[in-house]
PDB file of N, CA and C in Angstrom:
ATOM      1  N   MET A   1      12.933 -18.532 -12.907  1.00  0.00           N
ATOM      2  CA  MET A   1      12.536 -17.215 -12.489  1.00  0.00           C
ATOM      3  C   MET A   1      11.718 -17.342 -11.232  1.00  0.00           C
ATOM      4  N   ALA A   2      12.083 -16.749 -10.118  1.00  0.00           N
ATOM      5  CA  ALA A   2      11.261 -16.745  -8.928  1.00  0.00           C
ATOM      6  C   ALA A   2      10.067 -15.808  -9.077  1.00  0.00           C
ATOM      7  N   LYS A   3       8.958 -16.198  -8.471  1.00  0.00           N
ATOM      8  CA  LYS A   3       7.817 -15.293  -8.454  1.00  0.00           C
ATOM      9  C   LYS A   3       7.172 -15.378  -7.096  1.00  0.00           C
ATOM     10  N   SER A   4       6.609 -14.232  -6.738  1.00  0.00           N
ATOM     11  CA  SER A   4       5.938 -14.164  -5.413  1.00  0.00           C
ATOM     12  C   SER A   4       4.914 -13.045  -5.411  1.00  0.00           C
ATOM     13  N   PRO A   5       3.770 -13.283  -4.648  1.00  0.00           N
ATOM     14  CA  PRO A   5       2.723 -12.276  -4.633  1.00  0.00           C
ATOM     15  C   PRO A   5       3.204 -11.090  -3.750  1.00  0.00           C
ATOM     16  N   ILE A   6       2.615  -9.952  -4.018  1.00  0.00           N
ATOM     17  CA  ILE A   6       2.907  -8.729  -3.280  1.00  0.00           C
ATOM     18  C   ILE A   6       1.576  -8.220  -2.652  1.00  0.00           C
ATOM     19  N   GLY A   7       1.566  -7.952  -1.404  1.00  0.00           N
ATOM     20  CA  GLY A   7       0.319  -7.450  -0.788  1.00  0.00           C
ATOM     21  C   GLY A   7      -0.622  -8.530  -0.344  1.00  0.00           C
ATOM     22  N   LYS A   8      -1.628  -8.115   0.337  1.00  0.00           N
ATOM     23  CA  LYS A   8      -2.621  -9.074   0.844  1.00  0.00           C
ATOM     24  C   LYS A   8      -3.832  -9.022  -0.047  1.00  0.00           C
ATOM     25  N   ALA A   9      -4.282 -10.222  -0.429  1.00  0.00           N
ATOM     26  CA  ALA A   9      -5.469 -10.309  -1.291  1.00  0.00           C
ATOM     27  C   ALA A   9      -6.654  -9.832  -0.484  1.00  0.00           C
ATOM     28  N   GLY A  10      -7.587  -9.142  -1.128  1.00  0.00           N
ATOM     29  CA  GLY A  10      -8.787  -8.653  -0.450  1.00  0.00           C
ATOM     30  C   GLY A  10      -9.953  -9.500  -0.685  1.00  0.00           C
ATOM     31  N   PRO A  11     -11.167  -8.935  -0.756  1.00  0.00           N
ATOM     32  CA  PRO A  11     -12.370  -9.728  -0.919  1.00  0.00           C
ATOM     33  C   PRO A  11     -12.593 -10.293  -2.327  1.00  0.00           C
ATOM     34  N   VAL A  12     -11.853  -9.806  -3.299  1.00  0.00           N
ATOM     35  CA  VAL A  12     -11.950 -10.320  -4.643  1.00  0.00           C
ATOM     36  C   VAL A  12     -10.738 -11.197  -4.944  1.00  0.00           C
ATOM     37  N   PRO A  13     -10.884 -12.168  -5.852  1.00  0.00           N
ATOM     38  CA  PRO A  13      -9.800 -13.117  -6.084  1.00  0.00           C
ATOM     39  C   PRO A  13      -8.698 -12.579  -6.993  1.00  0.00           C
ATOM     40  N   LEU A  14      -7.875 -11.691  -6.395  1.00  0.00           N
ATOM     41  CA  LEU A  14      -6.703 -11.206  -7.105  1.00  0.00           C
ATOM     42  C   LEU A  14      -5.679 -10.812  -6.095  1.00  0.00           C
ATOM     43  N   SER A  15      -4.440 -10.759  -6.493  1.00  0.00           N
ATOM     44  CA  SER A  15      -3.334 -10.226  -5.687  1.00  0.00           C
ATOM     45  C   SER A  15      -3.074  -8.764  -6.125  1.00  0.00           C
ATOM     46  N   PRO A  16      -2.738  -7.912  -5.167  1.00  0.00           N
ATOM     47  CA  PRO A  16      -2.427  -6.529  -5.534  1.00  0.00           C
ATOM     48  C   PRO A  16      -1.269  -6.439  -6.468  1.00  0.00           C
ATOM     49  N   GLY A  17      -0.313  -7.395  -6.385  1.00  0.00           N
ATOM     50  CA  GLY A  17       0.812  -7.352  -7.344  1.00  0.00           C
ATOM     51  C   GLY A  17       1.583  -8.721  -7.244  1.00  0.00           C
ATOM     52  N   TRP A  18       2.515  -8.825  -8.243  1.00  0.00           N
ATOM     53  CA  TRP A  18       3.374  -9.949  -8.237  1.00  0.00           C
ATOM     54  C   TRP A  18       4.782  -9.493  -8.712  1.00  0.00           C
ATOM     55  N   ARG A  19       5.762 -10.087  -8.106  1.00  0.00           N
ATOM     56  CA  ARG A  19       7.134  -9.961  -8.635  1.00  0.00           C
ATOM     57  C   ARG A  19       7.384 -11.238  -9.361  1.00  0.00           C
ATOM     58  N   ALA A  20       7.895 -11.111 -10.582  1.00  0.00           N
ATOM     59  CA  ALA A  20       8.279 -12.256 -11.391  1.00  0.00           C
ATOM     60  C   ALA A  20       9.701 -11.930 -11.918  1.00  0.00           C
ATOM     61  N   GLY A  21      10.655 -12.446 -11.216  1.00  0.00           N
ATOM     62  CA  GLY A  21      12.020 -12.205 -11.573  1.00  0.00           C
ATOM     63  C   GLY A  21      12.326 -10.700 -11.350  1.00  0.00           C
ATOM     64  N   ASP A  22      12.737  -9.972 -12.403  1.00  0.00           N
ATOM     65  CA  ASP A  22      13.054  -8.608 -12.297  1.00  0.00           C
ATOM     66  C   ASP A  22      11.933  -7.701 -12.582  1.00  0.00           C
ATOM     67  N   PHE A  23      10.735  -8.228 -12.847  1.00  0.00           N
ATOM     68  CA  PHE A  23       9.559  -7.452 -13.133  1.00  0.00           C
ATOM     69  C   PHE A  23       8.566  -7.478 -11.971  1.00  0.00           C
ATOM     70  N   VAL A  24       7.865  -6.378 -11.811  1.00  0.00           N
ATOM     71  CA  VAL A  24       6.793  -6.246 -10.776  1.00  0.00           C
ATOM     72  C   VAL A  24       5.541  -5.858 -11.608  1.00  0.00           C
ATOM     73  N   PHE A  25       4.457  -6.569 -11.373  1.00  0.00           N
ATOM     74  CA  PHE A  25       3.165  -6.272 -12.052  1.00  0.00           C
ATOM     75  C   PHE A  25       2.189  -5.924 -10.947  1.00  0.00           C
ATOM     76  N   THR A  26       1.471  -4.796 -11.098  1.00  0.00           N
ATOM     77  CA  THR A  26       0.397  -4.520 -10.189  1.00  0.00           C
ATOM     78  C   THR A  26      -0.934  -4.826 -10.868  1.00  0.00           C
ATOM     79  N   SER A  27      -1.899  -5.253 -10.029  1.00  0.00           N
ATOM     80  CA  SER A  27      -3.267  -5.348 -10.529  1.00  0.00           C
ATOM     81  C   SER A  27      -3.759  -3.954 -10.762  1.00  0.00           C
ATOM     82  N   GLY A  28      -4.862  -3.834 -11.512  1.00  0.00           N
ATOM     83  CA  GLY A  28      -5.442  -2.585 -11.676  1.00  0.00           C
ATOM     84  C   GLY A  28      -5.926  -2.054 -10.326  1.00  0.00           C
ATOM     85  N   GLN A  29      -5.473  -0.801 -10.028  1.00  0.00           N
ATOM     86  CA  GLN A  29      -5.799  -0.203  -8.734  1.00  0.00           C
ATOM     87  C   GLN A  29      -6.891   0.865  -8.896  1.00  0.00           C
ATOM     88  N   VAL A  30      -7.865   0.826  -8.006  1.00  0.00           N
ATOM     89  CA  VAL A  30      -8.952   1.821  -8.005  1.00  0.00           C
ATOM     90  C   VAL A  30      -8.763   2.721  -6.842  1.00  0.00           C
ATOM     91  N   PRO A  31      -9.430   3.870  -6.780  1.00  0.00           N
ATOM     92  CA  PRO A  31      -9.253   4.868  -5.718  1.00  0.00           C
ATOM     93  C   PRO A  31      -9.950   4.475  -4.459  1.00  0.00           C
ATOM     94  N   ALA A  32      -9.502   3.498  -3.793  1.00  0.00           N
ATOM     95  CA  ALA A  32     -10.157   2.983  -2.532  1.00  0.00           C
ATOM     96  C   ALA A  32      -9.282   3.358  -1.363  1.00  0.00           C
ATOM     97  N   ASP A  33      -9.924   3.640  -0.241  1.00  0.00           N
ATOM     98  CA  ASP A  33      -9.153   3.880   0.990  1.00  0.00           C
ATOM     99  C   ASP A  33      -8.799   2.530   1.652  1.00  0.00           C
ATOM    100  N   ASP A  34      -8.225   2.606   2.816  1.00  0.00           N
ATOM    101  CA  ASP A  34      -7.762   1.397   3.518  1.00  0.00           C
ATOM    102  C   ASP A  34      -8.908   0.445   3.912  1.00  0.00           C
ATOM    103  N   GLN A  35     -10.143   0.967   3.963  1.00  0.00           N
ATOM    104  CA  GLN A  35     -11.283   0.196   4.313  1.00  0.00           C
ATOM    105  C   GLN A  35     -12.032  -0.366   3.079  1.00  0.00           C
ATOM    106  N   GLY A  36     -11.511  -0.028   1.905  1.00  0.00           N
ATOM    107  CA  GLY A  36     -12.097  -0.486   0.671  1.00  0.00           C
ATOM    108  C   GLY A  36     -13.184   0.453   0.083  1.00  0.00           C
ATOM    109  N   ASN A  37     -13.347   1.589   0.696  1.00  0.00           N
ATOM    110  CA  ASN A  37     -14.422   2.520   0.237  1.00  0.00           C
ATOM    111  C   ASN A  37     -13.751   3.401  -0.915  1.00  0.00           C
ATOM    112  N   ILE A  38     -14.544   3.659  -1.916  1.00  0.00           N
ATOM    113  CA  ILE A  38     -14.068   4.553  -3.011  1.00  0.00           C
ATOM    114  C   ILE A  38     -13.935   5.982  -2.431  1.00  0.00           C
ATOM    115  N   VAL A  39     -12.796   6.601  -2.745  1.00  0.00           N
ATOM    116  CA  VAL A  39     -12.515   7.982  -2.272  1.00  0.00           C
ATOM    117  C   VAL A  39     -13.459   8.931  -2.978  1.00  0.00           C
ATOM    118  N   ASN A  40     -14.042   9.801  -2.220  1.00  0.00           N
ATOM    119  CA  ASN A  40     -14.921  10.849  -2.799  1.00  0.00           C
ATOM    120  C   ASN A  40     -14.052  11.851  -3.464  1.00  0.00           C
ATOM    121  N   GLY A  41     -14.573  12.605  -4.446  1.00  0.00           N
ATOM    122  CA  GLY A  41     -13.862  13.681  -5.065  1.00  0.00           C
ATOM    123  C   GLY A  41     -13.795  13.476  -6.571  1.00  0.00           C
ATOM    124  N   GLY A  42     -13.175  14.411  -7.175  1.00  0.00           N
ATOM    125  CA  GLY A  42     -13.036  14.391  -8.635  1.00  0.00           C
ATOM    126  C   GLY A  42     -11.881  13.499  -9.148  1.00  0.00           C
ATOM    127  N   ILE A  43     -11.615  13.644 -10.395  1.00  0.00           N
ATOM    128  CA  ILE A  43     -10.551  12.813 -11.042  1.00  0.00           C
ATOM    129  C   ILE A  43      -9.210  13.055 -10.392  1.00  0.00           C
ATOM    130  N   GLU A  44      -8.937  14.233  -9.963  1.00  0.00           N
ATOM    131  CA  GLU A  44      -7.640  14.559  -9.391  1.00  0.00           C
ATOM    132  C   GLU A  44      -7.481  13.755  -8.068  1.00  0.00           C
ATOM    133  N   ASP A  45      -8.461  13.851  -7.180  1.00  0.00           N
ATOM    134  CA  ASP A  45      -8.401  13.127  -5.907  1.00  0.00           C
ATOM    135  C   ASP A  45      -8.332  11.659  -6.126  1.00  0.00           C
ATOM    136  N   GLN A  46      -9.125  11.155  -7.082  1.00  0.00           N
ATOM    137  CA  GLN A  46      -9.124   9.709  -7.281  1.00  0.00           C
ATOM    138  C   GLN A  46      -7.833   9.225  -7.939  1.00  0.00           C
ATOM    139  N   THR A  47      -7.233  10.039  -8.810  1.00  0.00           N
ATOM    140  CA  THR A  47      -5.915   9.671  -9.420  1.00  0.00           C
ATOM    141  C   THR A  47      -4.862   9.593  -8.343  1.00  0.00           C
ATOM    142  N   ARG A  48      -4.842  10.583  -7.432  1.00  0.00           N
ATOM    143  CA  ARG A  48      -3.857  10.558  -6.325  1.00  0.00           C
ATOM    144  C   ARG A  48      -4.039   9.322  -5.445  1.00  0.00           C
ATOM    145  N   ALA A  49      -5.259   8.953  -5.173  1.00  0.00           N
ATOM    146  CA  ALA A  49      -5.542   7.753  -4.330  1.00  0.00           C
ATOM    147  C   ALA A  49      -5.022   6.523  -5.029  1.00  0.00           C
ATOM    148  N   VAL A  50      -5.235   6.383  -6.364  1.00  0.00           N
ATOM    149  CA  VAL A  50      -4.778   5.242  -7.104  1.00  0.00           C
ATOM    150  C   VAL A  50      -3.217   5.186  -7.072  1.00  0.00           C
ATOM    151  N   MET A  51      -2.569   6.338  -7.280  1.00  0.00           N
ATOM    152  CA  MET A  51      -1.131   6.365  -7.321  1.00  0.00           C
ATOM    153  C   MET A  51      -0.559   6.013  -5.949  1.00  0.00           C
ATOM    154  N   ARG A  52      -1.243   6.418  -4.844  1.00  0.00           N
ATOM    155  CA  ARG A  52      -0.744   6.002  -3.496  1.00  0.00           C
ATOM    156  C   ARG A  52      -0.822   4.487  -3.346  1.00  0.00           C
ATOM    157  N   ARG A  53      -1.881   3.904  -3.898  1.00  0.00           N
ATOM    158  CA  ARG A  53      -1.992   2.422  -3.775  1.00  0.00           C
ATOM    159  C   ARG A  53      -0.889   1.773  -4.624  1.00  0.00           C
ATOM    160  N   ILE A  54      -0.660   2.218  -5.801  1.00  0.00           N
ATOM    161  CA  ILE A  54       0.429   1.704  -6.630  1.00  0.00           C
ATOM    162  C   ILE A  54       1.773   1.862  -5.967  1.00  0.00           C
ATOM    163  N   GLU A  55       2.000   3.072  -5.359  1.00  0.00           N
ATOM    164  CA  GLU A  55       3.277   3.315  -4.722  1.00  0.00           C
ATOM    165  C   GLU A  55       3.536   2.323  -3.587  1.00  0.00           C
ATOM    166  N   ALA A  56       2.491   2.001  -2.798  1.00  0.00           N
ATOM    167  CA  ALA A  56       2.584   1.011  -1.690  1.00  0.00           C
ATOM    168  C   ALA A  56       2.994  -0.318  -2.179  1.00  0.00           C
ATOM    169  N   ILE A  57       2.410  -0.729  -3.279  1.00  0.00           N
ATOM    170  CA  ILE A  57       2.715  -2.079  -3.841  1.00  0.00           C
ATOM    171  C   ILE A  57       4.180  -2.065  -4.381  1.00  0.00           C
ATOM    172  N   LEU A  58       4.546  -1.021  -5.077  1.00  0.00           N
ATOM    173  CA  LEU A  58       5.912  -0.935  -5.569  1.00  0.00           C
ATOM    174  C   LEU A  58       6.941  -0.936  -4.456  1.00  0.00           C
ATOM    175  N   LYS A  59       6.659  -0.177  -3.411  1.00  0.00           N
ATOM    176  CA  LYS A  59       7.497  -0.066  -2.234  1.00  0.00           C
ATOM    177  C   LYS A  59       7.709  -1.444  -1.590  1.00  0.00           C
ATOM    178  N   GLU A  60       6.640  -2.182  -1.473  1.00  0.00           N
ATOM    179  CA  GLU A  60       6.746  -3.502  -0.888  1.00  0.00           C
ATOM    180  C   GLU A  60       7.610  -4.453  -1.703  1.00  0.00           C
ATOM    181  N   ALA A  61       7.670  -4.187  -3.026  1.00  0.00           N
ATOM    182  CA  ALA A  61       8.479  -4.977  -3.933  1.00  0.00           C
ATOM    183  C   ALA A  61       9.898  -4.462  -4.071  1.00  0.00           C
ATOM    184  N   GLY A  62      10.180  -3.360  -3.356  1.00  0.00           N
ATOM    185  CA  GLY A  62      11.515  -2.729  -3.427  1.00  0.00           C
ATOM    186  C   GLY A  62      11.665  -1.838  -4.679  1.00  0.00           C
ATOM    187  N   CYS A  63      10.593  -1.302  -5.133  1.00  0.00           N
ATOM    188  CA  CYS A  63      10.596  -0.446  -6.343  1.00  0.00           C
ATOM    189  C   CYS A  63      10.009   0.921  -6.014  1.00  0.00           C
ATOM    190  N   GLY A  64      10.092   1.808  -6.980  1.00  0.00           N
ATOM    191  CA  GLY A  64       9.431   3.113  -6.902  1.00  0.00           C
ATOM    192  C   GLY A  64       8.932   3.495  -8.293  1.00  0.00           C
ATOM    193  N   PHE A  65       8.332   4.666  -8.364  1.00  0.00           N
ATOM    194  CA  PHE A  65       7.791   5.118  -9.655  1.00  0.00           C
ATOM    195  C   PHE A  65       8.882   5.205 -10.718  1.00  0.00           C
ATOM    196  N   GLU A  66      10.109   5.474 -10.285  1.00  0.00           N
ATOM    197  CA  GLU A  66      11.236   5.564 -11.261  1.00  0.00           C
ATOM    198  C   GLU A  66      11.469   4.250 -11.938  1.00  0.00           C
ATOM    199  N   ASP A  67      11.003   3.157 -11.425  1.00  0.00           N
ATOM    200  CA  ASP A  67      11.171   1.847 -11.999  1.00  0.00           C
ATOM    201  C   ASP A  67      10.075   1.413 -12.894  1.00  0.00           C
ATOM    202  N   VAL A  68       8.948   2.144 -12.939  1.00  0.00           N
ATOM    203  CA  VAL A  68       7.789   1.825 -13.761  1.00  0.00           C
ATOM    204  C   VAL A  68       8.108   2.023 -15.250  1.00  0.00           C
ATOM    205  N   ILE A  69       7.890   0.996 -16.056  1.00  0.00           N
ATOM    206  CA  ILE A  69       8.136   1.038 -17.463  1.00  0.00           C
ATOM    207  C   ILE A  69       6.849   1.085 -18.340  1.00  0.00           C
ATOM    208  N   LYS A  70       5.742   0.701 -17.774  1.00  0.00           N
ATOM    209  CA  LYS A  70       4.491   0.687 -18.528  1.00  0.00           C
ATOM    210  C   LYS A  70       3.305   0.801 -17.615  1.00  0.00           C
ATOM    211  N   THR A  71       2.340   1.600 -18.014  1.00  0.00           N
ATOM    212  CA  THR A  71       1.102   1.647 -17.279  1.00  0.00           C
ATOM    213  C   THR A  71      -0.070   1.497 -18.264  1.00  0.00           C
ATOM    214  N   THR A  72      -1.178   1.019 -17.768  1.00  0.00           N
ATOM    215  CA  THR A  72      -2.454   1.001 -18.506  1.00  0.00           C
ATOM    216  C   THR A  72      -3.445   1.765 -17.656  1.00  0.00           C
ATOM    217  N   VAL A  73      -4.160   2.650 -18.274  1.00  0.00           N
ATOM    218  CA  VAL A  73      -5.114   3.505 -17.567  1.00  0.00           C
ATOM    219  C   VAL A  73      -6.501   3.351 -18.134  1.00  0.00           C
ATOM    220  N   TRP A  74      -7.464   3.139 -17.328  1.00  0.00           N
ATOM    221  CA  TRP A  74      -8.887   3.135 -17.740  1.00  0.00           C
ATOM    222  C   TRP A  74      -9.508   4.325 -17.056  1.00  0.00           C
ATOM    223  N   ILE A  75     -10.080   5.230 -17.864  1.00  0.00           N
ATOM    224  CA  ILE A  75     -10.708   6.416 -17.348  1.00  0.00           C
ATOM    225  C   ILE A  75     -12.187   6.367 -17.713  1.00  0.00           C
ATOM    226  N   GLU A  76     -13.045   6.720 -16.767  1.00  0.00           N
ATOM    227  CA  GLU A  76     -14.444   6.577 -16.943  1.00  0.00           C
ATOM    228  C   GLU A  76     -15.003   7.593 -17.927  1.00  0.00           C
ATOM    229  N   ASP A  77     -14.431   8.807 -17.992  1.00  0.00           N
ATOM    230  CA  ASP A  77     -14.926   9.898 -18.783  1.00  0.00           C
ATOM    231  C   ASP A  77     -13.781  10.619 -19.482  1.00  0.00           C
ATOM    232  N   ALA A  78     -13.707  10.549 -20.760  1.00  0.00           N
ATOM    233  CA  ALA A  78     -12.604  11.138 -21.491  1.00  0.00           C
ATOM    234  C   ALA A  78     -12.456  12.671 -21.263  1.00  0.00           C
ATOM    235  N   ARG A  79     -13.541  13.280 -20.849  1.00  0.00           N
ATOM    236  CA  ARG A  79     -13.483  14.704 -20.561  1.00  0.00           C
ATOM    237  C   ARG A  79     -12.576  14.978 -19.302  1.00  0.00           C
ATOM    238  N   ASP A  80     -12.311  13.988 -18.509  1.00  0.00           N
ATOM    239  CA  ASP A  80     -11.442  14.141 -17.364  1.00  0.00           C
ATOM    240  C   ASP A  80      -9.956  13.921 -17.683  1.00  0.00           C
ATOM    241  N   PHE A  81      -9.641  13.609 -18.948  1.00  0.00           N
ATOM    242  CA  PHE A  81      -8.307  13.240 -19.340  1.00  0.00           C
ATOM    243  C   PHE A  81      -7.278  14.302 -19.002  1.00  0.00           C
ATOM    244  N   ALA A  82      -7.511  15.568 -19.316  1.00  0.00           N
ATOM    245  CA  ALA A  82      -6.457  16.592 -19.104  1.00  0.00           C
ATOM    246  C   ALA A  82      -6.175  16.749 -17.612  1.00  0.00           C
ATOM    247  N   ARG A  83      -7.225  16.726 -16.803  1.00  0.00           N
ATOM    248  CA  ARG A  83      -6.979  16.848 -15.333  1.00  0.00           C
ATOM    249  C   ARG A  83      -6.262  15.618 -14.775  1.00  0.00           C
ATOM    250  N   PHE A  84      -6.718  14.437 -15.237  1.00  0.00           N
ATOM    251  CA  PHE A  84      -5.955  13.203 -14.862  1.00  0.00           C
ATOM    252  C   PHE A  84      -4.481  13.325 -15.241  1.00  0.00           C
ATOM    253  N   ASN A  85      -4.239  13.701 -16.503  1.00  0.00           N
ATOM    254  CA  ASN A  85      -2.917  13.751 -17.022  1.00  0.00           C
ATOM    255  C   ASN A  85      -1.996  14.681 -16.231  1.00  0.00           C
ATOM    256  N   LYS A  86      -2.532  15.798 -15.770  1.00  0.00           N
ATOM    257  CA  LYS A  86      -1.749  16.756 -15.015  1.00  0.00           C
ATOM    258  C   LYS A  86      -1.308  16.143 -13.654  1.00  0.00           C
ATOM    259  N   VAL A  87      -2.216  15.411 -12.988  1.00  0.00           N
ATOM    260  CA  VAL A  87      -1.843  14.721 -11.733  1.00  0.00           C
ATOM    261  C   VAL A  87      -0.894  13.580 -12.004  1.00  0.00           C
ATOM    262  N   TYR A  88      -1.142  12.787 -13.020  1.00  0.00           N
ATOM    263  CA  TYR A  88      -0.290  11.618 -13.322  1.00  0.00           C
ATOM    264  C   TYR A  88       1.136  12.140 -13.594  1.00  0.00           C
ATOM    265  N   ALA A  89       1.320  13.238 -14.292  1.00  0.00           N
ATOM    266  CA  ALA A  89       2.611  13.727 -14.577  1.00  0.00           C
ATOM    267  C   ALA A  89       3.415  14.097 -13.314  1.00  0.00           C
ATOM    268  N   GLU A  90       2.748  14.416 -12.239  1.00  0.00           N
ATOM    269  CA  GLU A  90       3.447  14.708 -10.969  1.00  0.00           C
ATOM    270  C   GLU A  90       4.230  13.498 -10.526  1.00  0.00           C
ATOM    271  N   TYR A  91       3.796  12.314 -10.801  1.00  0.00           N
ATOM    272  CA  TYR A  91       4.433  11.049 -10.351  1.00  0.00           C
ATOM    273  C   TYR A  91       5.560  10.630 -11.317  1.00  0.00           C
ATOM    274  N   PHE A  92       5.578  11.130 -12.456  1.00  0.00           N
ATOM    275  CA  PHE A  92       6.595  10.787 -13.453  1.00  0.00           C
ATOM    276  C   PHE A  92       7.175  12.025 -14.102  1.00  0.00           C
ATOM    277  N   PRO A  93       7.936  12.827 -13.304  1.00  0.00           N
ATOM    278  CA  PRO A  93       8.429  14.137 -13.810  1.00  0.00           C
ATOM    279  C   PRO A  93       9.487  13.996 -14.902  1.00  0.00           C
ATOM    280  N   THR A  94      10.216  12.875 -14.884  1.00  0.00           N
ATOM    281  CA  THR A  94      11.152  12.605 -15.976  1.00  0.00           C
ATOM    282  C   THR A  94      11.088  11.180 -16.470  1.00  0.00           C
ATOM    283  N   ASN A  95      11.345  10.948 -17.665  1.00  0.00           N
ATOM    284  CA  ASN A  95      11.305   9.598 -18.214  1.00  0.00           C
ATOM    285  C   ASN A  95      10.012   8.834 -17.888  1.00  0.00           C
ATOM    286  N   PRO A  96       8.905   9.403 -18.278  1.00  0.00           N
ATOM    287  CA  PRO A  96       7.617   8.719 -17.918  1.00  0.00           C
ATOM    288  C   PRO A  96       7.571   7.363 -18.706  1.00  0.00           C
ATOM    289  N   PRO A  97       6.820   6.418 -18.077  1.00  0.00           N
ATOM    290  CA  PRO A  97       6.669   5.083 -18.710  1.00  0.00           C
ATOM    291  C   PRO A  97       5.872   5.158 -19.941  1.00  0.00           C
ATOM    292  N   ALA A  98       5.945   4.069 -20.708  1.00  0.00           N
ATOM    293  CA  ALA A  98       5.019   3.860 -21.802  1.00  0.00           C
ATOM    294  C   ALA A  98       3.627   3.759 -21.185  1.00  0.00           C
ATOM    295  N   ARG A  99       2.601   4.218 -21.926  1.00  0.00           N
ATOM    296  CA  ARG A  99       1.243   4.192 -21.330  1.00  0.00           C
ATOM    297  C   ARG A  99       0.198   3.971 -22.415  1.00  0.00           C
ATOM    298  N   SER A 100      -0.806   3.229 -22.018  1.00  0.00           N
ATOM    299  CA  SER A 100      -2.004   3.136 -22.814  1.00  0.00           C
ATOM    300  C   SER A 100      -3.124   3.657 -21.947  1.00  0.00           C
ATOM    301  N   THR A 101      -4.020   4.527 -22.580  1.00  0.00           N
ATOM    302  CA  THR A 101      -5.117   5.038 -21.846  1.00  0.00           C
ATOM    303  C   THR A 101      -6.379   4.863 -22.681  1.00  0.00           C
ATOM    304  N   VAL A 102      -7.442   4.329 -22.046  1.00  0.00           N
ATOM    305  CA  VAL A 102      -8.724   4.120 -22.726  1.00  0.00           C
ATOM    306  C   VAL A 102      -9.833   4.612 -21.879  1.00  0.00           C
ATOM    307  N   GLU A 103     -10.893   4.976 -22.521  1.00  0.00           N
ATOM    308  CA  GLU A 103     -12.155   5.384 -21.842  1.00  0.00           C
ATOM    309  C   GLU A 103     -12.981   4.102 -21.762  1.00  0.00           C
ATOM    310  N   ALA A 104     -13.460   3.818 -20.497  1.00  0.00           N
ATOM    311  CA  ALA A 104     -14.216   2.612 -20.286  1.00  0.00           C
ATOM    312  C   ALA A 104     -15.113   2.751 -19.075  1.00  0.00           C
ATOM    313  N   ARG A 105     -16.210   2.103 -19.107  1.00  0.00           N
ATOM    314  CA  ARG A 105     -17.054   1.996 -17.901  1.00  0.00           C
ATOM    315  C   ARG A 105     -16.393   1.028 -16.985  1.00  0.00           C
ATOM    316  N   LEU A 106     -16.134   1.396 -15.753  1.00  0.00           N
ATOM    317  CA  LEU A 106     -15.421   0.528 -14.784  1.00  0.00           C
ATOM    318  C   LEU A 106     -16.403  -0.364 -14.062  1.00  0.00           C
ATOM    319  N   MET A 107     -15.845  -1.394 -13.449  1.00  0.00           N
ATOM    320  CA  MET A 107     -16.583  -2.435 -12.799  1.00  0.00           C
ATOM    321  C   MET A 107     -17.228  -1.890 -11.445  1.00  0.00           C
ATOM    322  N   ILE A 108     -16.657  -0.857 -10.905  1.00  0.00           N
ATOM    323  CA  ILE A 108     -17.198  -0.249  -9.662  1.00  0.00           C
ATOM    324  C   ILE A 108     -17.366   1.237  -9.950  1.00  0.00           C
ATOM    325  N   ASP A 109     -17.960   1.939  -8.982  1.00  0.00           N
ATOM    326  CA  ASP A 109     -18.264   3.335  -9.141  1.00  0.00           C
ATOM    327  C   ASP A 109     -17.059   4.199  -8.900  1.00  0.00           C
ATOM    328  N   ALA A 110     -16.104   4.144  -9.836  1.00  0.00           N
ATOM    329  CA  ALA A 110     -14.873   4.895  -9.732  1.00  0.00           C
ATOM    330  C   ALA A 110     -14.646   5.609 -11.041  1.00  0.00           C
ATOM    331  N   LYS A 111     -13.824   6.673 -11.037  1.00  0.00           N
ATOM    332  CA  LYS A 111     -13.483   7.405 -12.239  1.00  0.00           C
ATOM    333  C   LYS A 111     -12.298   6.863 -12.935  1.00  0.00           C
ATOM    334  N   ILE A 112     -11.436   6.079 -12.279  1.00  0.00           N
ATOM    335  CA  ILE A 112     -10.181   5.642 -12.838  1.00  0.00           C
ATOM    336  C   ILE A 112      -9.691   4.395 -12.245  1.00  0.00           C
ATOM    337  N   GLU A 113      -8.940   3.655 -13.059  1.00  0.00           N
ATOM    338  CA  GLU A 113      -8.196   2.426 -12.633  1.00  0.00           C
ATOM    339  C   GLU A 113      -6.863   2.431 -13.401  1.00  0.00           C
ATOM    340  N   ILE A 114      -5.783   2.114 -12.651  1.00  0.00           N
ATOM    341  CA  ILE A 114      -4.481   2.063 -13.259  1.00  0.00           C
ATOM    342  C   ILE A 114      -3.723   0.796 -12.878  1.00  0.00           C
ATOM    343  N   GLU A 115      -3.016   0.180 -13.803  1.00  0.00           N
ATOM    344  CA  GLU A 115      -2.143  -0.905 -13.501  1.00  0.00           C
ATOM    345  C   GLU A 115      -0.705  -0.499 -13.944  1.00  0.00           C
ATOM    346  N   ALA A 116       0.302  -1.085 -13.327  1.00  0.00           N
ATOM    347  CA  ALA A 116       1.677  -0.668 -13.626  1.00  0.00           C
ATOM    348  C   ALA A 116       2.554  -1.898 -13.748  1.00  0.00           C
ATOM    349  N   ILE A 117       3.580  -1.767 -14.612  1.00  0.00           N
ATOM    350  CA  ILE A 117       4.652  -2.797 -14.656  1.00  0.00           C
ATOM    351  C   ILE A 117       5.980  -2.090 -14.410  1.00  0.00           C
ATOM    352  N   ALA A 118       6.753  -2.604 -13.462  1.00  0.00           N
ATOM    353  CA  ALA A 118       8.052  -2.006 -13.151  1.00  0.00           C
ATOM    354  C   ALA A 118       9.116  -3.016 -13.439  1.00  0.00           C
ATOM    355  N   TYR A 119      10.349  -2.514 -13.612  1.00  0.00           N
ATOM    356  CA  TYR A 119      11.459  -3.325 -13.877  1.00  0.00           C
ATOM    357  C   TYR A 119      12.602  -2.924 -12.889  1.00  0.00           C
ATOM    358  N   LYS A 120      12.950  -3.814 -12.043  1.00  0.00           N
ATOM    359  CA  LYS A 120      14.036  -3.632 -11.105  1.00  0.00           C
ATOM    360  C   LYS A 120      14.653  -4.984 -10.761  1.00  0.00           C
ATOM    361  N   PRO A 121      15.910  -5.181 -11.074  1.00  0.00           N
ATOM    362  CA  PRO A 121      16.508  -6.449 -10.738  1.00  0.00           C
ATOM    363  C   PRO A 121      16.292  -6.861  -9.279  1.00  0.00           C
ATOM    364  N   ALA A 122      15.846  -8.049  -9.054  1.00  0.00           N
ATOM    365  CA  ALA A 122      15.655  -8.592  -7.752  1.00  0.00           C
ATOM    366  C   ALA A 122      16.992  -8.702  -7.037  1.00  0.00           C
ATOM    367  N   SER A 123      16.963  -8.390  -5.744  1.00  0.00           N
ATOM    368  CA  SER A 123      18.286  -8.419  -5.068  1.00  0.00           C
ATOM    369  C   SER A 123      18.447  -9.835  -4.385  1.00  0.00           C
TER     370      SER A 123
END
């Protein structure tokens, strides 16, 4: 099985994603802009920022949201769940992936972190 990193590693020791055969794994993505600053705003803005980051990783691997089969979500405040869920559903209008969601204090000052696993046969 061939494997290769996706994206450019930043200041922390992790790759944004990996393709391993037919699977693509993203690291947990936080709502950061291109300069690494956390996006201001509520859970809706931060969720959209995270999903844009995931979309860019998937695109580089030749995938899209339709190929995502599993996500894991860490949300800083469970009271934000309904608003997060409404935005999240915009990205998966049909056949949403399996998902685990937990409330957790995050390592940085963000409201949300999401990782994704996609399946798309390598060409």
